[in-house]
């Protein structure tokens, strides 16, 4: 990521925390991000495009955090990865601000959809489960993690719940690759 783009995204994070998503202007974001307004507009046409890029960057950071926990797990790596991702969402300062001050924006942001961030999260979850493409089991994991944007929990509670979620994800993943009652392959549902 270029230094300008990184500065813009950092400026967007800071402006959201200071002014909120609606009151932050492109001028504010450029100023706080340390770039010229023209540079900002060279990267993003409007706030909607900028905020989409910010969500994508935050999803990438969360996937990286999850992958590190998964790789370093002393116990069950799926539980470790799920826990770390849920804690990351729970503790995310911008999500906490938006949840407290702009709940309609949070509702829109946390709705699973076809956006690039959701697709990367689904693909990563499928990869961890050994699936070749996004699957219902991976979607379950992603949706549970995303639910912490609206319903944050303590690390202890997250750890306890992650054990049950990991088990449910594994059961669903096994059912998806097993022949169904009609002898056809289950492919999983996508939201």
C-alpha atoms as a PDB file:
ATOM      1  CA  UNK A   1       0.000   0.000   0.000  1.00  0.00           C
ATOM      2  CA  UNK A   2       1.353   3.426  -0.913  1.00  0.00           C
ATOM      3  CA  UNK A   3       2.221   5.905   1.799  1.00  0.00           C
ATOM      4  CA  UNK A   4      -0.461   8.297   0.513  1.00  0.00           C
ATOM      5  CA  UNK A   5      -3.149   5.630   0.590  1.00  0.00           C
ATOM      6  CA  UNK A   6      -2.090   4.502   4.078  1.00  0.00           C
ATOM      7  CA  UNK A   7      -2.224   8.113   5.274  1.00  0.00           C
ATOM      8  CA  UNK A   8      -5.677   8.578   3.772  1.00  0.00           C
ATOM      9  CA  UNK A   9      -7.008   5.453   5.483  1.00  0.00           C
ATOM     10  CA  UNK A  10      -5.436   6.475   8.797  1.00  0.00           C
ATOM     11  CA  UNK A  11      -6.989   9.921   8.358  1.00  0.00           C
ATOM     12  CA  UNK A  12     -10.378   8.349   7.691  1.00  0.00           C
ATOM     13  CA  UNK A  13     -10.120   6.257  10.886  1.00  0.00           C
ATOM     14  CA  UNK A  14      -9.216   9.331  12.936  1.00  0.00           C
ATOM     15  CA  UNK A  15     -11.949  11.475  11.395  1.00  0.00           C
ATOM     16  CA  UNK A  16     -14.601   8.850  12.060  1.00  0.00           C
ATOM     17  CA  UNK A  17     -13.525   8.732  15.704  1.00  0.00           C
ATOM     18  CA  UNK A  18     -13.566  12.524  15.926  1.00  0.00           C
ATOM     19  CA  UNK A  19     -16.517  13.550  13.746  1.00  0.00           C
ATOM     20  CA  UNK A  20     -18.377  10.382  12.776  1.00  0.00           C
ATOM     21  CA  UNK A  21     -18.896   8.932   9.311  1.00  0.00           C
ATOM     22  CA  UNK A  22     -21.414  11.485   8.116  1.00  0.00           C
ATOM     23  CA  UNK A  23     -19.782  14.668   9.433  1.00  0.00           C
ATOM     24  CA  UNK A  24     -16.272  13.771   8.275  1.00  0.00           C
ATOM     25  CA  UNK A  25     -15.519  15.594   5.045  1.00  0.00           C
ATOM     26  CA  UNK A  26     -13.053  14.645   2.358  1.00  0.00           C
ATOM     27  CA  UNK A  27     -11.160  17.802   3.315  1.00  0.00           C
ATOM     28  CA  UNK A  28     -10.977  16.674   6.953  1.00  0.00           C
ATOM     29  CA  UNK A  29      -9.737  13.255   5.894  1.00  0.00           C
ATOM     30  CA  UNK A  30      -7.062  14.720   3.606  1.00  0.00           C
ATOM     31  CA  UNK A  31      -5.876  17.139   6.309  1.00  0.00           C
ATOM     32  CA  UNK A  32      -5.732  14.519   9.062  1.00  0.00           C
ATOM     33  CA  UNK A  33      -4.199  11.962   6.665  1.00  0.00           C
ATOM     34  CA  UNK A  34      -1.450  14.399   5.729  1.00  0.00           C
ATOM     35  CA  UNK A  35      -2.205  14.482   2.001  1.00  0.00           C
ATOM     36  CA  UNK A  36      -3.404  17.118  -0.416  1.00  0.00           C
ATOM     37  CA  UNK A  37      -7.073  17.046  -1.258  1.00  0.00           C
ATOM     38  CA  UNK A  38      -6.161  16.397  -4.908  1.00  0.00           C
ATOM     39  CA  UNK A  39      -4.161  13.336  -3.823  1.00  0.00           C
ATOM     40  CA  UNK A  40      -7.153  12.062  -1.875  1.00  0.00           C
ATOM     41  CA  UNK A  41      -9.370  12.432  -4.935  1.00  0.00           C
ATOM     42  CA  UNK A  42      -6.764  10.667  -7.082  1.00  0.00           C
ATOM     43  CA  UNK A  43      -7.306   7.621  -4.863  1.00  0.00           C
ATOM     44  CA  UNK A  44     -11.027   7.888  -4.062  1.00  0.00           C
ATOM     45  CA  UNK A  45     -13.930   9.597  -5.840  1.00  0.00           C
ATOM     46  CA  UNK A  46     -16.046  10.000  -2.709  1.00  0.00           C
ATOM     47  CA  UNK A  47     -16.469   8.988   0.947  1.00  0.00           C
ATOM     48  CA  UNK A  48     -18.435   5.880   0.045  1.00  0.00           C
ATOM     49  CA  UNK A  49     -15.516   4.546  -2.015  1.00  0.00           C
ATOM     50  CA  UNK A  50     -13.051   5.617   0.686  1.00  0.00           C
ATOM     51  CA  UNK A  51     -15.032   3.920   3.458  1.00  0.00           C
ATOM     52  CA  UNK A  52     -15.289   0.737   1.370  1.00  0.00           C
ATOM     53  CA  UNK A  53     -11.492   0.739   1.046  1.00  0.00           C
ATOM     54  CA  UNK A  54     -11.172   1.327   4.788  1.00  0.00           C
ATOM     55  CA  UNK A  55     -13.426  -1.660   5.518  1.00  0.00           C
ATOM     56  CA  UNK A  56     -11.348  -3.781   3.120  1.00  0.00           C
ATOM     57  CA  UNK A  57      -8.119  -2.736   4.837  1.00  0.00           C
ATOM     58  CA  UNK A  58      -9.573  -3.479   8.270  1.00  0.00           C
ATOM     59  CA  UNK A  59     -10.774  -6.919   7.101  1.00  0.00           C
ATOM     60  CA  UNK A  60      -7.279  -7.641   5.773  1.00  0.00           C
ATOM     61  CA  UNK A  61      -5.779  -6.627   9.133  1.00  0.00           C
ATOM     62  CA  UNK A  62      -8.267  -8.839  10.953  1.00  0.00           C
ATOM     63  CA  UNK A  63      -7.503 -11.793   8.673  1.00  0.00           C
ATOM     64  CA  UNK A  64      -3.790 -11.294   9.360  1.00  0.00           C
ATOM     65  CA  UNK A  65      -4.433 -11.198  13.108  1.00  0.00           C
ATOM     66  CA  UNK A  66      -6.557 -14.352  12.866  1.00  0.00           C
ATOM     67  CA  UNK A  67      -3.934 -16.135  10.745  1.00  0.00           C
ATOM     68  CA  UNK A  68      -1.203 -15.345  13.272  1.00  0.00           C
ATOM     69  CA  UNK A  69      -3.302 -16.714  16.134  1.00  0.00           C
ATOM     70  CA  UNK A  70      -4.215 -19.782  14.079  1.00  0.00           C
ATOM     71  CA  UNK A  71      -0.572 -20.491  13.250  1.00  0.00           C
ATOM     72  CA  UNK A  72       0.671 -19.937  16.821  1.00  0.00           C
ATOM     73  CA  UNK A  73      -2.135 -21.821  18.581  1.00  0.00           C
ATOM     74  CA  UNK A  74      -1.105 -24.052  21.451  1.00  0.00           C
ATOM     75  CA  UNK A  75      -4.477 -25.791  21.440  1.00  0.00           C
ATOM     76  CA  UNK A  76      -7.203 -25.872  18.808  1.00  0.00           C
ATOM     77  CA  UNK A  77      -6.122 -23.515  15.998  1.00  0.00           C
ATOM     78  CA  UNK A  78      -9.698 -22.907  14.813  1.00  0.00           C
ATOM     79  CA  UNK A  79     -10.751 -21.824  18.310  1.00  0.00           C
ATOM     80  CA  UNK A  80      -7.659 -19.602  18.555  1.00  0.00           C
ATOM     81  CA  UNK A  81      -8.329 -17.990  15.168  1.00  0.00           C
ATOM     82  CA  UNK A  82     -12.033 -17.446  15.849  1.00  0.00           C
ATOM     83  CA  UNK A  83     -11.289 -16.012  19.288  1.00  0.00           C
ATOM     84  CA  UNK A  84      -8.650 -13.621  18.008  1.00  0.00           C
ATOM     85  CA  UNK A  85     -10.869 -12.386  15.177  1.00  0.00           C
ATOM     86  CA  UNK A  86     -13.851 -11.858  17.514  1.00  0.00           C
ATOM     87  CA  UNK A  87     -11.677 -10.040  20.050  1.00  0.00           C
ATOM     88  CA  UNK A  88     -10.329  -7.866  17.231  1.00  0.00           C
ATOM     89  CA  UNK A  89     -13.870  -6.904  16.214  1.00  0.00           C
ATOM     90  CA  UNK A  90     -14.956  -6.365  19.824  1.00  0.00           C
ATOM     91  CA  UNK A  91     -11.991  -4.086  20.556  1.00  0.00           C
ATOM     92  CA  UNK A  92     -11.989  -2.185  17.257  1.00  0.00           C
ATOM     93  CA  UNK A  93     -12.217   1.508  18.164  1.00  0.00           C
ATOM     94  CA  UNK A  94     -13.980   2.629  14.992  1.00  0.00           C
ATOM     95  CA  UNK A  95     -16.581  -0.131  15.293  1.00  0.00           C
ATOM     96  CA  UNK A  96     -17.150   0.765  18.943  1.00  0.00           C
ATOM     97  CA  UNK A  97     -17.610   4.440  18.004  1.00  0.00           C
ATOM     98  CA  UNK A  98     -19.983   3.643  15.147  1.00  0.00           C
ATOM     99  CA  UNK A  99     -21.971   1.194  17.288  1.00  0.00           C
ATOM    100  CA  UNK A 100     -22.435   3.801  20.010  1.00  0.00           C
ATOM    101  CA  UNK A 101     -23.052   6.835  17.799  1.00  0.00           C
ATOM    102  CA  UNK A 102     -24.260   5.650  14.385  1.00  0.00           C
ATOM    103  CA  UNK A 103     -26.082   2.332  14.840  1.00  0.00           C
ATOM    104  CA  UNK A 104     -27.714   2.483  11.399  1.00  0.00           C
ATOM    105  CA  UNK A 105     -24.285   2.719   9.784  1.00  0.00           C
ATOM    106  CA  UNK A 106     -23.126  -0.257  11.861  1.00  0.00           C
ATOM    107  CA  UNK A 107     -26.168  -2.229  10.714  1.00  0.00           C
ATOM    108  CA  UNK A 108     -25.317  -1.543   7.093  1.00  0.00           C
ATOM    109  CA  UNK A 109     -21.602  -2.297   7.567  1.00  0.00           C
ATOM    110  CA  UNK A 110     -22.098  -5.556   9.422  1.00  0.00           C
ATOM    111  CA  UNK A 111     -24.614  -7.051   7.020  1.00  0.00           C
ATOM    112  CA  UNK A 112     -23.019  -9.872   5.045  1.00  0.00           C
ATOM    113  CA  UNK A 113     -22.945  -9.065   1.377  1.00  0.00           C
ATOM    114  CA  UNK A 114     -21.011  -9.234  -1.846  1.00  0.00           C
ATOM    115  CA  UNK A 115     -18.395  -6.611  -0.913  1.00  0.00           C
ATOM    116  CA  UNK A 116     -14.708  -7.354  -1.329  1.00  0.00           C
ATOM    117  CA  UNK A 117     -14.102  -7.503   2.436  1.00  0.00           C
ATOM    118  CA  UNK A 118     -16.852 -10.049   2.960  1.00  0.00           C
ATOM    119  CA  UNK A 119     -15.591 -12.113   0.023  1.00  0.00           C
ATOM    120  CA  UNK A 120     -12.019 -12.174   1.395  1.00  0.00           C
ATOM    121  CA  UNK A 121     -13.256 -13.115   4.864  1.00  0.00           C
ATOM    122  CA  UNK A 122     -15.370 -15.926   3.411  1.00  0.00           C
ATOM    123  CA  UNK A 123     -12.523 -17.182   1.229  1.00  0.00           C
ATOM    124  CA  UNK A 124     -10.127 -17.158   4.187  1.00  0.00           C
ATOM    125  CA  UNK A 125     -12.596 -19.062   6.385  1.00  0.00           C
ATOM    126  CA  UNK A 126     -13.111 -21.622   3.629  1.00  0.00           C
ATOM    127  CA  UNK A 127      -9.349 -21.997   3.245  1.00  0.00           C
ATOM    128  CA  UNK A 128      -8.960 -22.720   6.965  1.00  0.00           C
ATOM    129  CA  UNK A 129     -11.648 -25.378   6.654  1.00  0.00           C
ATOM    130  CA  UNK A 130      -9.994 -26.969   3.627  1.00  0.00           C
ATOM    131  CA  UNK A 131     -12.805 -25.954   1.262  1.00  0.00           C
ATOM    132  CA  UNK A 132     -12.006 -24.825  -2.255  1.00  0.00           C
ATOM    133  CA  UNK A 133     -14.589 -22.037  -2.234  1.00  0.00           C
ATOM    134  CA  UNK A 134     -16.688 -20.116   0.295  1.00  0.00           C
ATOM    135  CA  UNK A 135     -19.075 -22.426   2.094  1.00  0.00           C
ATOM    136  CA  UNK A 136     -21.843 -22.351   4.687  1.00  0.00           C
ATOM    137  CA  UNK A 137     -19.458 -23.504   7.427  1.00  0.00           C
ATOM    138  CA  UNK A 138     -17.090 -20.646   6.659  1.00  0.00           C
ATOM    139  CA  UNK A 139     -20.023 -18.230   6.492  1.00  0.00           C
ATOM    140  CA  UNK A 140     -21.086 -19.353   9.967  1.00  0.00           C
ATOM    141  CA  UNK A 141     -17.610 -18.540  11.299  1.00  0.00           C
ATOM    142  CA  UNK A 142     -17.509 -15.142   9.556  1.00  0.00           C
ATOM    143  CA  UNK A 143     -21.013 -14.215  10.729  1.00  0.00           C
ATOM    144  CA  UNK A 144     -20.180 -15.145  14.336  1.00  0.00           C
ATOM    145  CA  UNK A 145     -17.066 -12.979  14.246  1.00  0.00           C
ATOM    146  CA  UNK A 146     -18.982 -10.105  12.609  1.00  0.00           C
ATOM    147  CA  UNK A 147     -21.719 -10.331  15.251  1.00  0.00           C
ATOM    148  CA  UNK A 148     -19.234  -8.904  17.757  1.00  0.00           C
ATOM    149  CA  UNK A 149     -19.476  -5.528  16.026  1.00  0.00           C
ATOM    150  CA  UNK A 150     -22.973  -5.142  17.482  1.00  0.00           C
ATOM    151  CA  UNK A 151     -22.604  -7.434  20.511  1.00  0.00           C
ATOM    152  CA  UNK A 152     -19.092  -7.150  21.916  1.00  0.00           C
ATOM    153  CA  UNK A 153     -18.049  -9.652  24.541  1.00  0.00           C
ATOM    154  CA  UNK A 154     -15.217 -10.164  26.988  1.00  0.00           C
ATOM    155  CA  UNK A 155     -12.219 -12.202  25.825  1.00  0.00           C
ATOM    156  CA  UNK A 156     -13.222 -14.921  28.304  1.00  0.00           C
ATOM    157  CA  UNK A 157     -16.765 -15.135  26.943  1.00  0.00           C
ATOM    158  CA  UNK A 158     -15.451 -15.096  23.378  1.00  0.00           C
ATOM    159  CA  UNK A 159     -13.059 -17.942  24.185  1.00  0.00           C
ATOM    160  CA  UNK A 160     -15.848 -20.063  25.667  1.00  0.00           C
ATOM    161  CA  UNK A 161     -18.199 -19.410  22.751  1.00  0.00           C
ATOM    162  CA  UNK A 162     -15.446 -19.980  20.172  1.00  0.00           C
ATOM    163  CA  UNK A 163     -15.180 -23.608  21.320  1.00  0.00           C
ATOM    164  CA  UNK A 164     -18.883 -24.195  20.540  1.00  0.00           C
ATOM    165  CA  UNK A 165     -18.732 -22.229  17.288  1.00  0.00           C
ATOM    166  CA  UNK A 166     -15.658 -24.165  16.125  1.00  0.00           C
ATOM    167  CA  UNK A 167     -17.493 -27.431  16.794  1.00  0.00           C
ATOM    168  CA  UNK A 168     -20.578 -26.228  14.898  1.00  0.00           C
ATOM    169  CA  UNK A 169     -18.400 -25.057  12.007  1.00  0.00           C
ATOM    170  CA  UNK A 170     -16.679 -28.449  11.825  1.00  0.00           C
ATOM    171  CA  UNK A 171     -19.986 -30.338  11.894  1.00  0.00           C
ATOM    172  CA  UNK A 172     -21.399 -28.125   9.155  1.00  0.00           C
ATOM    173  CA  UNK A 173     -18.201 -28.434   7.095  1.00  0.00           C
ATOM    174  CA  UNK A 174     -18.342 -32.230   7.360  1.00  0.00           C
ATOM    175  CA  UNK A 175     -22.000 -32.205   6.276  1.00  0.00           C
ATOM    176  CA  UNK A 176     -21.168 -30.018   3.270  1.00  0.00           C
ATOM    177  CA  UNK A 177     -18.644 -32.487   1.871  1.00  0.00           C
ATOM    178  CA  UNK A 178     -20.693 -35.591   2.661  1.00  0.00           C
ATOM    179  CA  UNK A 179     -23.237 -36.808   0.158  1.00  0.00           C
ATOM    180  CA  UNK A 180     -26.744 -35.616   1.055  1.00  0.00           C
ATOM    181  CA  UNK A 181     -29.811 -37.812   1.382  1.00  0.00           C
ATOM    182  CA  UNK A 182     -30.308 -37.649  -2.391  1.00  0.00           C
ATOM    183  CA  UNK A 183     -26.705 -38.541  -3.124  1.00  0.00           C
ATOM    184  CA  UNK A 184     -25.760 -35.052  -4.328  1.00  0.00           C
ATOM    185  CA  UNK A 185     -22.968 -32.899  -3.014  1.00  0.00           C
ATOM    186  CA  UNK A 186     -23.948 -30.091  -0.687  1.00  0.00           C
ATOM    187  CA  UNK A 187     -22.287 -26.850  -1.687  1.00  0.00           C
ATOM    188  CA  UNK A 188     -23.367 -24.525   1.109  1.00  0.00           C
ATOM    189  CA  UNK A 189     -25.448 -21.388   1.134  1.00  0.00           C
ATOM    190  CA  UNK A 190     -24.107 -17.938   0.478  1.00  0.00           C
ATOM    191  CA  UNK A 191     -25.555 -14.724   1.833  1.00  0.00           C
END
